[in-house]
Amino acid sequence: MQKLSGWPLVLLLIFIGASLRLLYLGKASPWLDETITYDRALAAVPDIIKASYGWDIHPPTYYVILHYMVKLGHSPEALRLFSVICGVLSIPVFYFLAREIFGKPREAIVATLLLTLSAYQIRYAQEARMYTLFFLVSLLAMLFFYRAYKRQQKRDWFWWAGISIINFYVHYFSLFLIASQVVFYLIHLLRAKAVAQLFKQQRAFVVATLVLLVGCLPAVPLLVQQASAKIGSYGVKQPTVNPVMFVLVFLKYSFYPNTLADPLWERGLKYIFTAFMFGGVLLAWKQRRDSIIFLGTLLVVSLTLAWIASHFVFFSLTFRYLYFLNAPMLLLLALAATTVADKITAGPVLKKTLTLTTVLGALCLLDAYILANYYQHPRNPDWRTGFAELKKNCRANDMIVPVPGYVTYVARYYLAEEASRERVLSFLDDTSPSALESLLNQQEGIFFILTDDMYPPERRQAVDTWLAAHSRLLWEDAHFPGNVIWYSTKASPLGLNQ
């Protein structure tokens, strides 16, 4: 394997990766965030940027790109196609990054294989959100940063700065990646006792970092406004997060999506992957210290900053925003696999290759189980079926009321080509039982659409109690029971069958 350039295998992995990311692409119903993507992308570009100052918590870049992609249609496949493209492009870029860090095709091929088969990667490549774009641009930023660190060429430093600026406009959490890279380079200078000559001998790094910071400045007011609006948001008290639990949950989501049906297997796989990775890294420490320090710094600094931020801004607890850290995790796992194989077997290259193949085979079997669960079990509420029931029963004068108001995005998406879309009561502010009863007294019939993430729980309980007394349950999601559609009429409160 070491004698091969690696590219024939990389091309094969690209084909396999594309196939896995396209498989069942439209099977899952688009969920709330994907319908927000659709709604944002339909607007004109100036309106997309303006809307970012309202309810959203992300930069507008992804929505601007999707503005042109939705011209292909609003089907789940059309919405998710750009994410698939980014996910497939990540495979060769990841190979370049692994070659740069490890220096040998063997480790790079192993890492790229793990990325290709990763259910975690496939899951976000099949979602109409910005995470695979964020991951792809983050890979490019890591690649040029490491090239600049190793080769000390000005052009690499400025490529890193330019790509990092783009990444900041894709997702704000790229700041954690930038900070971890700068920290790593300062550690490198400390180890080399070259901090005193920072402005003389490291001028390219200093200037590139300043260019990066200046390039990010125009988006800072938007970031501050959005973060301030979300402090204490969703009607829940800010959590105080145990740092150990924070790391354990991150490790769990770093290797596979949360779709497994068996909790025992879920816990077991988490510990198997994590223990294997840490054990292999310890074995490789002497030979790969520089690479491990780089990847470890990306993980430790980014997680520390995210944990600190979680005490102030609730959405910093969302681990998909740390999606870029899946790259160092997989690189360390690949390093562990190759190191364990080398330690187990001494002798000819062929014998070591067979041992490595056996180790990889075991990892791939575990990953195959994860993939089977991913494709088999639903990951999103089945709104497609729910709205099919609504369309079948909807009458000319019926109103559609999303509760809470942001569920308007879901209704708009699933009723995109229906006349009833015009009767959606958008973004209702007051969702108290008295407000809902007032609406019912003014309409012939109302469909109430509820999601399972309505906060605080007391509000949801009060709404559920009122609906049970005044409405008929039209549809309830079998796997996500909190997602329901109720129907009620003024003449007969229990609705359709009365």
Protein backbone atom coordinates (compact mmCIF):
# COMPACT_ATOMS: atom_id res chain seq x y z
CA MET A 1 0.00 0.00 0.00
CA GLN A 2 2.88 2.37 0.75
CA LYS A 3 4.26 2.04 -2.78
CA LEU A 4 1.01 3.16 -4.41
CA SER A 5 0.44 6.83 -5.14
CA GLY A 6 -2.93 6.32 -3.52
CA TRP A 7 -5.01 7.99 -6.24
CA PRO A 8 -6.57 4.86 -7.77
CA LEU A 9 -7.85 4.00 -4.30
CA VAL A 10 -8.96 7.58 -3.66
CA LEU A 11 -10.98 7.59 -6.90
CA LEU A 12 -12.61 4.36 -5.81
CA LEU A 13 -13.42 5.87 -2.40
CA ILE A 14 -14.91 8.95 -4.10
CA PHE A 15 -17.23 6.67 -6.08
CA ILE A 16 -18.21 4.69 -2.98
CA GLY A 17 -18.67 7.89 -0.96
CA ALA A 18 -20.87 9.47 -3.61
CA SER A 19 -23.00 6.32 -3.80
CA LEU A 20 -23.50 6.17 -0.02
CA ARG A 21 -24.37 9.86 0.16
CA LEU A 22 -26.91 9.60 -2.65
CA LEU A 23 -28.47 6.40 -1.27
CA TYR A 24 -31.99 7.12 0.09
CA LEU A 25 -31.28 10.85 -0.25
CA GLY A 26 -34.96 11.78 -0.27
CA LYS A 27 -36.19 9.12 2.15
CA ALA A 28 -36.25 11.26 5.30
CA SER A 29 -38.82 14.05 5.46
CA PRO A 30 -37.16 17.49 5.61
CA TRP A 31 -37.18 18.63 9.23
CA LEU A 32 -37.59 22.10 10.71
CA ASP A 33 -34.10 23.42 9.95
CA GLU A 34 -34.22 22.16 6.37
CA THR A 35 -37.54 23.91 5.81
CA ILE A 36 -35.94 27.08 7.17
CA THR A 37 -33.22 26.62 4.54
CA TYR A 38 -35.88 26.38 1.84
CA ASP A 39 -37.73 29.45 3.10
CA ARG A 40 -34.54 31.53 3.32
CA ALA A 41 -33.31 30.40 -0.10
CA LEU A 42 -36.54 31.43 -1.82
CA ALA A 43 -35.99 35.09 -0.94
CA ALA A 44 -34.00 37.56 -3.01
CA VAL A 45 -30.33 37.81 -2.03
CA PRO A 46 -30.68 41.24 -0.30
CA ASP A 47 -33.65 39.87 1.68
CA ILE A 48 -31.63 36.78 2.70
CA ILE A 49 -28.94 39.04 4.16
CA LYS A 50 -31.53 41.26 5.87
CA ALA A 51 -33.30 38.25 7.38
CA SER A 52 -30.04 37.18 9.04
CA TYR A 53 -30.47 40.08 11.45
CA GLY A 54 -33.76 38.61 12.60
CA TRP A 55 -34.41 35.12 13.88
CA ASP A 56 -31.48 33.22 12.37
CA ILE A 57 -28.21 32.34 14.12
CA HIS A 58 -26.04 31.63 11.06
CA PRO A 59 -24.28 33.76 8.43
CA PRO A 60 -26.26 34.16 5.19
CA THR A 61 -23.61 32.64 2.86
CA TYR A 62 -25.12 29.15 2.66
CA TYR A 63 -28.61 30.51 2.01
CA VAL A 64 -27.29 32.70 -0.80
CA ILE A 65 -25.76 29.62 -2.47
CA LEU A 66 -28.98 27.65 -1.99
CA HIS A 67 -30.90 30.55 -3.52
CA TYR A 68 -29.57 29.36 -6.86
CA MET A 69 -29.81 25.64 -6.06
CA VAL A 70 -33.57 25.76 -5.30
CA LYS A 71 -34.15 26.61 -8.93
CA LEU A 72 -33.77 22.84 -9.41
CA GLY A 73 -36.92 22.33 -7.34
CA HIS A 74 -38.02 21.98 -3.72
CA SER A 75 -37.91 18.19 -3.44
CA PRO A 76 -35.75 16.77 -0.62
CA GLU A 77 -33.25 15.53 -3.22
CA ALA A 78 -32.91 18.97 -4.81
CA LEU A 79 -32.53 20.70 -1.46
CA ARG A 80 -29.86 18.25 -0.28
CA LEU A 81 -27.87 17.98 -3.51
CA PHE A 82 -25.43 20.78 -2.64
CA SER A 83 -24.65 19.09 0.69
CA VAL A 84 -23.95 15.84 -1.17
CA ILE A 85 -21.57 17.68 -3.52
CA CYS A 86 -19.70 19.21 -0.56
CA GLY A 87 -19.58 15.82 1.16
CA VAL A 88 -18.11 14.11 -1.90
CA LEU A 89 -15.56 16.90 -2.48
CA SER A 90 -14.47 16.50 1.14
CA ILE A 91 -13.11 13.01 0.36
CA PRO A 92 -10.17 14.03 -1.91
CA VAL A 93 -9.47 17.17 0.18
CA PHE A 94 -9.33 15.01 3.30
CA TYR A 95 -6.85 12.73 1.53
CA PHE A 96 -4.63 15.74 0.74
CA LEU A 97 -4.82 16.85 4.37
CA ALA A 98 -3.94 13.38 5.68
CA ARG A 99 -1.00 13.11 3.24
CA GLU A 100 0.25 16.50 4.41
CA ILE A 101 0.03 15.57 8.09
CA PHE A 102 1.23 11.95 7.95
CA GLY A 103 3.49 12.13 4.90
CA LYS A 104 2.63 8.63 3.70
CA PRO A 105 -0.16 7.35 1.44
CA ARG A 106 -0.94 4.42 3.76
CA GLU A 107 -2.17 6.51 6.68
CA ALA A 108 -3.90 8.91 4.29
CA ILE A 109 -5.80 6.09 2.56
CA VAL A 110 -6.88 4.62 5.90
CA ALA A 111 -8.13 8.03 7.08
CA THR A 112 -9.97 8.64 3.81
CA LEU A 113 -11.59 5.20 4.01
CA LEU A 114 -12.90 6.00 7.51
CA LEU A 115 -14.28 9.34 6.29
CA THR A 116 -15.91 7.74 3.26
CA LEU A 117 -17.77 5.14 5.34
CA SER A 118 -18.57 7.44 8.27
CA ALA A 119 -22.30 7.47 9.05
CA TYR A 120 -21.71 10.81 10.78
CA GLN A 121 -20.42 12.26 7.50
CA ILE A 122 -23.19 10.68 5.45
CA ARG A 123 -25.84 11.96 7.82
CA TYR A 124 -24.91 15.63 7.28
CA ALA A 125 -24.24 15.13 3.57
CA GLN A 126 -27.93 14.20 3.38
CA GLU A 127 -29.20 17.32 5.12
CA ALA A 128 -30.00 20.67 3.54
CA ARG A 129 -27.91 22.67 5.99
CA MET A 130 -24.51 24.34 5.90
CA TYR A 131 -22.54 21.73 7.83
CA THR A 132 -20.89 19.84 4.94
CA LEU A 133 -19.91 23.16 3.33
CA PHE A 134 -18.47 24.20 6.69
CA PHE A 135 -16.60 20.90 6.91
CA LEU A 136 -15.20 21.18 3.36
CA VAL A 137 -13.92 24.74 3.82
CA SER A 138 -12.51 23.79 7.25
CA LEU A 139 -10.55 20.96 5.63
CA LEU A 140 -9.07 23.41 3.14
CA ALA A 141 -8.16 25.80 5.99
CA MET A 142 -6.44 22.97 7.91
CA LEU A 143 -4.63 21.84 4.77
CA PHE A 144 -3.12 25.23 3.95
CA PHE A 145 -2.37 25.99 7.58
CA TYR A 146 -0.39 22.76 7.96
CA ARG A 147 1.37 23.34 4.63
CA ALA A 148 2.35 26.83 5.76
CA TYR A 149 3.54 25.51 9.13
CA LYS A 150 5.70 22.81 7.54
CA ARG A 151 6.97 24.68 4.46
CA GLN A 152 6.93 28.31 5.67
CA GLN A 153 5.85 29.68 2.30
CA LYS A 154 4.05 33.03 2.18
CA ARG A 155 1.46 31.92 -0.35
CA ASP A 156 0.31 29.10 1.93
CA TRP A 157 -0.13 31.50 4.84
CA PHE A 158 -2.28 33.80 2.71
CA TRP A 159 -4.26 30.91 1.27
CA TRP A 160 -4.98 29.91 4.87
CA ALA A 161 -6.06 33.44 5.74
CA GLY A 162 -8.33 33.76 2.69
CA ILE A 163 -9.99 30.38 3.18
CA SER A 164 -10.46 31.05 6.91
CA ILE A 165 -12.22 34.33 6.10
CA ILE A 166 -14.58 32.45 3.78
CA ASN A 167 -15.12 29.86 6.50
CA PHE A 168 -16.12 32.53 9.02
CA TYR A 169 -18.79 33.71 6.60
CA VAL A 170 -20.00 30.10 6.31
CA HIS A 171 -20.17 29.35 10.05
CA TYR A 172 -19.18 31.36 13.11
CA PHE A 173 -17.71 28.35 14.90
CA SER A 174 -14.80 28.52 12.45
CA LEU A 175 -13.45 31.03 15.00
CA PHE A 176 -12.70 28.05 17.24
CA LEU A 177 -10.72 26.43 14.44
CA ILE A 178 -8.80 29.66 13.75
CA ALA A 179 -8.02 30.10 17.45
CA SER A 180 -6.82 26.51 17.82
CA GLN A 181 -4.51 26.86 14.81
CA VAL A 182 -3.00 30.07 16.14
CA VAL A 183 -2.53 28.46 19.58
CA PHE A 184 -0.79 25.49 17.96
CA TYR A 185 1.58 27.74 16.05
CA LEU A 186 2.44 29.72 19.18
CA ILE A 187 3.13 26.42 20.97
CA HIS A 188 5.41 25.49 18.07
CA LEU A 189 7.29 28.78 18.45
CA LEU A 190 7.60 28.26 22.21
CA ARG A 191 9.01 24.78 21.66
CA ALA A 192 11.44 26.21 19.11
CA LYS A 193 12.23 29.18 21.42
CA ALA A 194 11.39 31.55 18.56
CA VAL A 195 8.67 33.72 20.13
CA ALA A 196 11.08 36.65 20.53
CA GLN A 197 11.62 36.71 16.75
CA LEU A 198 7.86 36.48 16.01
CA PHE A 199 7.62 39.79 14.15
CA LYS A 200 10.93 39.36 12.36
CA GLN A 201 11.12 35.76 11.23
CA GLN A 202 7.39 35.01 11.25
CA ARG A 203 6.21 38.11 9.42
CA ALA A 204 4.12 36.11 6.92
CA PHE A 205 2.21 34.39 9.74
CA VAL A 206 1.62 37.68 11.58
CA VAL A 207 0.47 39.55 8.45
CA ALA A 208 -1.75 36.65 7.33
CA THR A 209 -3.36 36.52 10.78
CA LEU A 210 -4.01 40.28 10.70
CA VAL A 211 -5.50 40.00 7.20
CA LEU A 212 -7.72 37.20 8.48
CA LEU A 213 -8.95 39.27 11.42
CA VAL A 214 -9.62 42.32 9.26
CA GLY A 215 -11.46 40.17 6.72
CA CYS A 216 -13.77 38.84 9.43
CA LEU A 217 -14.59 42.26 10.91
CA PRO A 218 -17.55 43.09 8.60
CA ALA A 219 -19.48 40.07 9.93
CA VAL A 220 -18.76 40.73 13.62
CA PRO A 221 -21.75 43.10 14.19
CA LEU A 222 -24.09 40.43 12.79
CA LEU A 223 -22.49 37.77 14.99
CA VAL A 224 -22.82 39.94 18.11
CA GLN A 225 -26.45 40.77 17.31
CA GLN A 226 -27.41 37.14 16.69
CA ALA A 227 -25.54 35.82 19.75
CA SER A 228 -27.05 38.50 22.00
CA ALA A 229 -30.54 37.65 20.78
CA LYS A 230 -30.03 33.98 21.65
CA ILE A 231 -28.64 34.35 25.18
CA GLY A 232 -31.17 32.59 27.39
CA SER A 233 -33.21 31.75 24.31
CA TYR A 234 -35.84 29.04 23.72
CA GLY A 235 -37.44 29.89 27.06
CA VAL A 236 -35.04 27.72 29.06
CA LYS A 237 -32.52 28.54 31.74
CA GLN A 238 -28.88 28.54 30.68
CA PRO A 239 -27.28 25.22 31.63
CA THR A 240 -24.12 24.83 33.67
CA VAL A 241 -22.29 22.14 31.76
CA ASN A 242 -20.03 19.57 33.38
CA PRO A 243 -16.85 19.69 31.24
CA VAL A 244 -16.30 15.92 31.49
CA MET A 245 -19.85 15.20 30.31
CA PHE A 246 -19.41 17.81 27.59
CA VAL A 247 -16.37 15.92 26.23
CA LEU A 248 -18.03 12.49 26.56
CA VAL A 249 -21.10 13.61 24.63
CA PHE A 250 -18.85 15.17 21.98
CA LEU A 251 -16.94 11.88 21.62
CA LYS A 252 -20.22 10.04 21.21
CA TYR A 253 -21.39 12.27 18.37
CA SER A 254 -17.95 12.37 16.71
CA PHE A 255 -18.10 8.83 15.36
CA TYR A 256 -21.75 8.25 14.53
CA PRO A 257 -25.12 10.04 14.39
CA ASN A 258 -27.66 9.52 17.14
CA THR A 259 -29.85 7.05 15.24
CA LEU A 260 -29.02 3.70 16.84
CA ALA A 261 -31.97 1.80 18.25
CA ASP A 262 -30.11 -0.18 20.90
CA PRO A 263 -28.77 1.99 23.78
CA LEU A 264 -26.34 -0.77 24.83
CA TRP A 265 -24.73 -0.84 21.40
CA GLU A 266 -24.75 2.94 21.34
CA ARG A 267 -22.72 3.14 24.55
CA GLY A 268 -20.52 0.23 23.56
CA LEU A 269 -19.54 1.63 20.17
CA LYS A 270 -18.70 4.98 21.71
CA TYR A 271 -16.28 3.39 24.14
CA ILE A 272 -14.82 0.99 21.56
CA PHE A 273 -13.94 3.75 19.09
CA THR A 274 -12.73 6.15 21.76
CA ALA A 275 -10.59 3.60 23.64
CA PHE A 276 -9.06 2.33 20.42
CA MET A 277 -8.24 5.87 19.27
CA PHE A 278 -6.59 6.92 22.53
CA GLY A 279 -4.69 3.64 22.85
CA GLY A 280 -3.30 3.90 19.33
CA VAL A 281 -2.35 7.55 19.81
CA LEU A 282 -0.36 6.68 22.95
CA LEU A 283 1.50 3.98 21.01
CA ALA A 284 2.26 6.44 18.19
CA TRP A 285 3.36 9.32 20.44
CA LYS A 286 7.12 8.97 19.96
CA GLN A 287 7.01 8.63 16.18
CA ARG A 288 4.13 11.05 15.49
CA ARG A 289 4.40 13.60 18.27
CA ASP A 290 4.15 16.66 16.02
CA SER A 291 1.05 15.40 14.19
CA ILE A 292 -0.64 14.37 17.45
CA ILE A 293 0.06 17.75 19.07
CA PHE A 294 -1.47 19.52 16.05
CA LEU A 295 -4.62 17.38 15.98
CA GLY A 296 -4.88 17.37 19.78
CA THR A 297 -4.62 21.17 19.90
CA LEU A 298 -7.47 21.51 17.39
CA LEU A 299 -9.64 19.31 19.62
CA VAL A 300 -8.69 20.66 23.05
CA VAL A 301 -8.77 24.38 22.22
CA SER A 302 -11.99 24.17 20.18
CA LEU A 303 -13.80 22.11 22.83
CA THR A 304 -12.60 24.40 25.61
CA LEU A 305 -13.85 27.50 23.80
CA ALA A 306 -17.17 25.81 23.01
CA TRP A 307 -17.58 24.78 26.65
CA ILE A 308 -16.89 28.35 27.82
CA ALA A 309 -19.33 29.74 25.23
CA SER A 310 -22.01 27.28 26.34
CA HIS A 311 -22.36 29.20 29.60
CA PHE A 312 -23.48 32.29 27.70
CA VAL A 313 -25.08 31.24 24.42
CA PHE A 314 -27.36 28.19 24.43
CA PHE A 315 -26.79 27.13 20.81
CA SER A 316 -23.05 26.63 21.43
CA LEU A 317 -24.05 23.27 22.96
CA THR A 318 -25.12 22.02 19.53
CA PHE A 319 -22.41 19.54 18.57
CA ARG A 320 -23.11 19.73 14.85
CA TYR A 321 -21.62 23.23 15.03
CA LEU A 322 -18.35 21.49 15.95
CA TYR A 323 -18.64 19.24 12.92
CA PHE A 324 -15.20 20.28 11.66
CA LEU A 325 -13.65 18.41 14.62
CA ASN A 326 -14.68 15.14 13.01
CA ALA A 327 -11.58 15.59 10.80
CA PRO A 328 -8.94 15.43 13.60
CA MET A 329 -10.92 12.63 15.28
CA LEU A 330 -10.85 10.49 12.12
CA LEU A 331 -7.19 11.32 11.50
CA LEU A 332 -6.30 10.18 15.01
CA LEU A 333 -8.39 7.04 14.55
CA ALA A 334 -6.53 6.28 11.29
CA LEU A 335 -3.21 6.84 13.06
CA ALA A 336 -4.32 4.47 15.80
CA ALA A 337 -5.27 1.79 13.26
CA THR A 338 -1.94 1.90 11.43
CA THR A 339 0.09 2.08 14.64
CA VAL A 340 -1.71 -0.86 16.26
CA ALA A 341 -1.19 -2.92 13.09
CA ASP A 342 2.54 -2.11 13.08
CA LYS A 343 2.93 -2.91 16.78
CA ILE A 344 1.10 -6.21 16.47
CA THR A 345 3.12 -7.39 13.48
CA ALA A 346 6.83 -7.08 12.92
CA GLY A 347 8.39 -8.18 9.64
CA PRO A 348 7.69 -7.78 5.92
CA VAL A 349 5.46 -5.01 4.58
CA LEU A 350 3.00 -7.58 3.22
CA LYS A 351 2.50 -9.08 6.67
CA LYS A 352 1.91 -5.63 8.19
CA THR A 353 -0.54 -4.80 5.39
CA LEU A 354 -2.53 -7.96 6.12
CA THR A 355 -2.65 -7.07 9.81
CA LEU A 356 -3.76 -3.52 9.01
CA THR A 357 -6.45 -4.92 6.71
CA THR A 358 -7.71 -7.08 9.58
CA VAL A 359 -7.82 -4.08 11.97
CA LEU A 360 -9.60 -1.96 9.37
CA GLY A 361 -12.00 -4.81 8.66
CA ALA A 362 -13.03 -4.88 12.32
CA LEU A 363 -13.58 -1.11 12.33
CA CYS A 364 -15.52 -1.31 9.07
CA LEU A 365 -17.77 -4.04 10.48
CA LEU A 366 -18.66 -1.78 13.40
CA ASP A 367 -19.24 1.06 10.97
CA ALA A 368 -21.41 -1.19 8.79
CA TYR A 369 -23.67 -1.79 11.80
CA ILE A 370 -23.88 1.97 12.35
CA LEU A 371 -24.67 2.58 8.67
CA ALA A 372 -27.37 -0.10 8.65
CA ASN A 373 -29.03 1.58 11.63
CA TYR A 374 -28.68 4.98 10.01
CA TYR A 375 -30.42 3.93 6.80
CA GLN A 376 -33.01 1.78 8.55
CA HIS A 377 -34.20 4.06 11.35
CA PRO A 378 -35.84 7.45 10.79
CA ARG A 379 -33.80 10.46 11.79
CA ASN A 380 -36.45 13.14 11.17
CA PRO A 381 -40.15 13.51 12.01
CA ASP A 382 -42.35 12.18 9.20
CA TRP A 383 -43.96 15.50 8.35
CA ARG A 384 -44.52 14.26 4.78
CA THR A 385 -47.16 11.81 6.03
CA GLY A 386 -48.63 14.32 8.47
CA PHE A 387 -49.21 16.96 5.84
CA ALA A 388 -50.60 14.36 3.44
CA GLU A 389 -53.32 13.74 6.06
CA LEU A 390 -53.85 17.48 6.44
CA LYS A 391 -54.23 18.01 2.67
CA LYS A 392 -56.69 15.12 2.45
CA ASN A 393 -58.92 16.63 5.16
CA CYS A 394 -58.45 20.35 4.55
CA ARG A 395 -61.55 22.30 3.51
CA ALA A 396 -61.78 25.61 1.67
CA ASN A 397 -62.08 27.87 4.74
CA ASP A 398 -59.89 25.98 7.19
CA MET A 399 -56.99 27.83 8.83
CA ILE A 400 -53.61 26.26 9.57
CA VAL A 401 -51.96 27.37 12.82
CA PRO A 402 -48.35 26.34 13.54
CA VAL A 403 -47.57 26.20 17.28
CA PRO A 404 -45.04 27.56 18.14
CA GLY A 405 -44.71 30.21 15.43
CA TYR A 406 -41.46 29.00 13.90
CA VAL A 407 -43.21 25.82 12.75
CA THR A 408 -44.54 28.14 10.03
CA TYR A 409 -41.45 27.15 8.04
CA VAL A 410 -42.54 23.50 8.10
CA ALA A 411 -46.06 24.36 6.96
CA ARG A 412 -44.82 26.63 4.18
CA TYR A 413 -42.53 23.93 2.82
CA TYR A 414 -45.04 21.06 2.79
CA LEU A 415 -47.81 23.27 1.42
CA ALA A 416 -45.54 24.98 -1.13
CA GLU A 417 -47.72 24.03 -4.10
CA GLU A 418 -51.08 24.08 -2.30
CA ALA A 419 -53.70 26.82 -2.21
CA SER A 420 -53.99 26.19 1.54
CA ARG A 421 -50.50 27.72 1.96
CA GLU A 422 -52.18 31.12 1.91
CA ARG A 423 -54.23 30.16 4.98
CA VAL A 424 -51.22 29.45 7.20
CA LEU A 425 -51.27 31.83 10.18
CA SER A 426 -47.56 32.70 10.17
CA PHE A 427 -45.44 33.17 13.28
CA LEU A 428 -48.15 33.34 15.91
CA ASP A 429 -46.80 35.20 18.95
CA ASP A 430 -49.37 34.20 21.56
CA THR A 431 -49.83 30.42 21.73
CA SER A 432 -51.61 30.31 25.09
CA PRO A 433 -54.81 28.23 25.31
CA SER A 434 -56.91 31.40 25.56
CA ALA A 435 -55.37 32.76 22.34
CA LEU A 436 -55.99 29.47 20.53
CA GLU A 437 -59.60 29.41 21.73
CA SER A 438 -60.08 32.97 20.48
CA LEU A 439 -58.83 31.89 17.05
CA LEU A 440 -61.17 28.90 17.04
CA ASN A 441 -64.17 31.16 17.71
CA GLN A 442 -63.30 33.15 14.57
CA GLN A 443 -62.80 30.25 12.14
CA GLU A 444 -64.86 27.38 10.72
CA GLY A 445 -62.01 24.93 11.27
CA ILE A 446 -58.35 25.00 12.35
CA PHE A 447 -55.45 22.60 11.98
CA PHE A 448 -53.00 23.02 14.87
CA ILE A 449 -49.44 21.85 14.08
CA LEU A 450 -47.11 21.21 17.04
CA THR A 451 -43.46 20.14 17.31
CA ASP A 452 -41.72 18.22 20.09
CA ASP A 453 -39.27 21.05 20.92
CA MET A 454 -41.77 23.59 22.27
CA TYR A 455 -40.34 25.40 25.31
CA PRO A 456 -40.89 25.70 28.21
CA PRO A 457 -42.49 22.31 28.96
CA GLU A 458 -45.26 23.91 31.07
CA ARG A 459 -46.43 25.86 28.02
CA ARG A 460 -46.57 22.70 25.92
CA GLN A 461 -48.49 20.88 28.66
CA ALA A 462 -51.09 23.65 28.83
CA VAL A 463 -51.53 23.65 25.04
CA ASP A 464 -51.81 19.83 24.94
CA THR A 465 -54.50 19.88 27.64
CA TRP A 466 -56.54 22.48 25.76
CA LEU A 467 -56.19 20.68 22.42
CA ALA A 468 -57.25 17.35 23.95
CA ALA A 469 -60.47 18.99 25.11
CA HIS A 470 -61.22 20.98 21.95
CA SER A 471 -59.69 19.08 19.05
CA ARG A 472 -59.30 15.71 17.39
CA LEU A 473 -55.85 14.21 16.91
CA LEU A 474 -55.44 13.92 13.15
CA TRP A 475 -51.84 12.64 13.03
CA GLU A 476 -49.01 11.82 15.44
CA ASP A 477 -45.50 10.84 14.41
CA ALA A 478 -44.82 7.22 15.32
CA HIS A 479 -41.14 7.78 16.16
CA PHE A 480 -41.23 11.39 17.39
CA PRO A 481 -44.52 11.53 19.35
CA GLY A 482 -44.32 15.23 20.17
CA ASN A 483 -44.89 16.12 16.52
CA VAL A 484 -48.66 16.17 16.01
CA ILE A 485 -51.48 17.72 13.98
CA TRP A 486 -54.81 18.43 15.66
CA TYR A 487 -58.05 19.50 13.99
CA SER A 488 -61.00 21.37 15.48
CA THR A 489 -64.12 23.17 14.23
CA LYS A 490 -66.12 25.95 15.83
CA ALA A 491 -69.39 24.07 15.38
CA SER A 492 -68.06 20.78 16.75
CA PRO A 493 -64.94 21.12 18.92
CA LEU A 494 -63.90 17.48 18.41
CA GLY A 495 -63.54 18.04 14.69
CA LEU A 496 -63.71 15.65 11.78
CA ASN A 497 -65.71 12.71 13.06
CA GLN A 498 -68.39 14.67 14.87
